[in-house]
Amino acid sequence: MNKQGIGAVLLFAGIVLYGMIHIGTIMHLPDVTIWSNQWGRYLQAAFETGGIIGLVLAILLFITGVTLLLPRPLADFSKGRVMKEIRERNREFDEKYGNQNN
């Protein structure tokens, strides 16, 4: 399986896991007796249902999947390869057709 296939599987797994954790947390949210704490009622409900580890894992799977799905030209752009290629093609065009700005 290639990099993009693994990325798609991880992204989908993260979304499904987050959805399952979210449903359980929302169902338990009315039973949370703490109205204000440091993290909020949603994370308190996730903690009480035992879903905090799954929530963190879902977010990590999602981020990893998105990172693997990023196209290669985006990585090349950050390394300056794309700009170098654009400058080279611009120079070749100027040599072939001349500089029209004069």
Protein backbone atom coordinates (compact mmCIF):
# COMPACT_ATOMS: atom_id res chain seq x y z
CA MET A 1 0.00 0.00 0.00
CA ASN A 2 1.36 3.42 -0.88
CA LYS A 3 1.70 6.52 1.27
CA GLN A 4 -1.59 8.04 0.17
CA GLY A 5 -3.49 4.81 0.78
CA ILE A 6 -2.17 4.60 4.32
CA GLY A 7 -2.99 8.28 4.82
CA ALA A 8 -6.57 7.76 3.66
CA VAL A 9 -7.03 4.78 5.98
CA LEU A 10 -5.62 6.70 8.97
CA LEU A 11 -7.75 9.74 8.19
CA PHE A 12 -10.90 7.63 7.93
CA ALA A 13 -10.04 5.72 11.13
CA GLY A 14 -9.52 8.99 12.99
CA ILE A 15 -12.84 10.38 11.81
CA VAL A 16 -14.76 7.22 12.73
CA LEU A 17 -13.09 6.94 16.14
CA TYR A 18 -13.76 10.60 16.88
CA GLY A 19 -17.41 10.15 15.87
CA MET A 20 -17.84 7.20 18.22
CA ILE A 21 -16.18 9.01 21.12
CA HIS A 22 -18.20 12.14 20.38
CA ILE A 23 -21.52 10.29 20.43
CA GLY A 24 -20.72 8.67 23.78
CA THR A 25 -19.55 11.97 25.23
CA ILE A 26 -22.61 13.90 24.07
CA MET A 27 -24.92 11.24 25.48
CA HIS A 28 -23.21 11.57 28.88
CA LEU A 29 -22.98 15.38 28.81
CA PRO A 30 -26.33 16.02 30.60
CA ASP A 31 -25.14 13.85 33.51
CA VAL A 32 -22.02 15.93 34.15
CA THR A 33 -22.48 17.64 37.50
CA ILE A 34 -19.49 19.99 37.23
CA TRP A 35 -20.57 23.18 35.50
CA SER A 36 -17.19 24.81 35.23
CA ASN A 37 -13.73 23.40 35.49
CA GLN A 38 -10.38 24.01 33.86
CA TRP A 39 -11.11 22.00 30.67
CA GLY A 40 -14.85 22.47 30.21
CA ARG A 41 -17.88 20.23 30.34
CA TYR A 42 -17.18 18.37 27.08
CA LEU A 43 -13.75 17.12 28.14
CA GLN A 44 -15.08 16.34 31.62
CA ALA A 45 -17.78 14.17 30.03
CA ALA A 46 -15.15 12.51 27.81
CA PHE A 47 -13.02 11.84 30.89
CA GLU A 48 -15.95 10.37 32.83
CA THR A 49 -16.88 8.04 29.97
CA GLY A 50 -13.27 6.90 29.59
CA GLY A 51 -12.98 8.36 26.11
CA ILE A 52 -10.16 10.82 26.64
CA ILE A 53 -7.49 8.39 25.38
CA GLY A 54 -9.63 7.56 22.35
CA LEU A 55 -10.18 11.26 21.71
CA VAL A 56 -6.44 11.95 21.72
CA LEU A 57 -5.80 8.89 19.55
CA ALA A 58 -8.48 10.00 17.07
CA ILE A 59 -6.90 13.44 16.77
CA LEU A 60 -3.44 11.91 16.27
CA LEU A 61 -4.76 9.53 13.59
CA PHE A 62 -6.49 12.41 11.82
CA ILE A 63 -3.36 14.61 11.84
CA THR A 64 -1.15 11.72 10.68
CA GLY A 65 -3.57 10.86 7.87
CA VAL A 66 -3.76 14.45 6.65
CA THR A 67 0.03 14.74 6.78
CA LEU A 68 0.46 11.62 4.66
CA LEU A 69 -2.13 12.84 2.16
CA LEU A 70 -0.40 16.15 1.52
CA PRO A 71 0.80 16.22 -2.06
CA ARG A 72 4.48 15.97 -2.82
CA PRO A 73 4.69 19.35 -4.61
CA LEU A 74 3.70 21.02 -1.34
CA ALA A 75 6.73 19.42 0.33
CA ASP A 76 8.92 20.42 -2.63
CA PHE A 77 7.65 24.00 -2.40
CA SER A 78 8.78 24.26 1.20
CA LYS A 79 12.26 23.10 0.18
CA GLY A 80 12.53 25.72 -2.57
CA ARG A 81 12.60 23.23 -5.45
CA VAL A 82 9.52 24.67 -7.09
CA MET A 83 10.85 28.23 -7.02
CA LYS A 84 14.19 27.03 -8.41
CA GLU A 85 12.39 25.27 -11.27
CA ILE A 86 10.28 28.38 -11.99
CA ARG A 87 13.41 30.55 -12.17
CA GLU A 88 15.09 28.05 -14.51
CA ARG A 89 12.09 27.93 -16.85
CA ASN A 90 11.85 31.71 -16.80
CA ARG A 91 15.52 31.97 -17.78
CA GLU A 92 15.00 29.42 -20.61
CA PHE A 93 11.99 31.39 -21.88
CA ASP A 94 13.96 34.64 -21.86
CA GLU A 95 16.81 33.00 -23.79
CA LYS A 96 14.46 31.55 -26.40
CA TYR A 97 12.08 34.48 -26.92
CA GLY A 98 14.09 37.38 -25.57
CA ASN A 99 13.20 39.78 -22.84
CA GLN A 100 10.07 41.70 -23.91
CA ASN A 101 10.31 44.31 -21.13
CA ASN A 102 12.79 46.54 -23.02
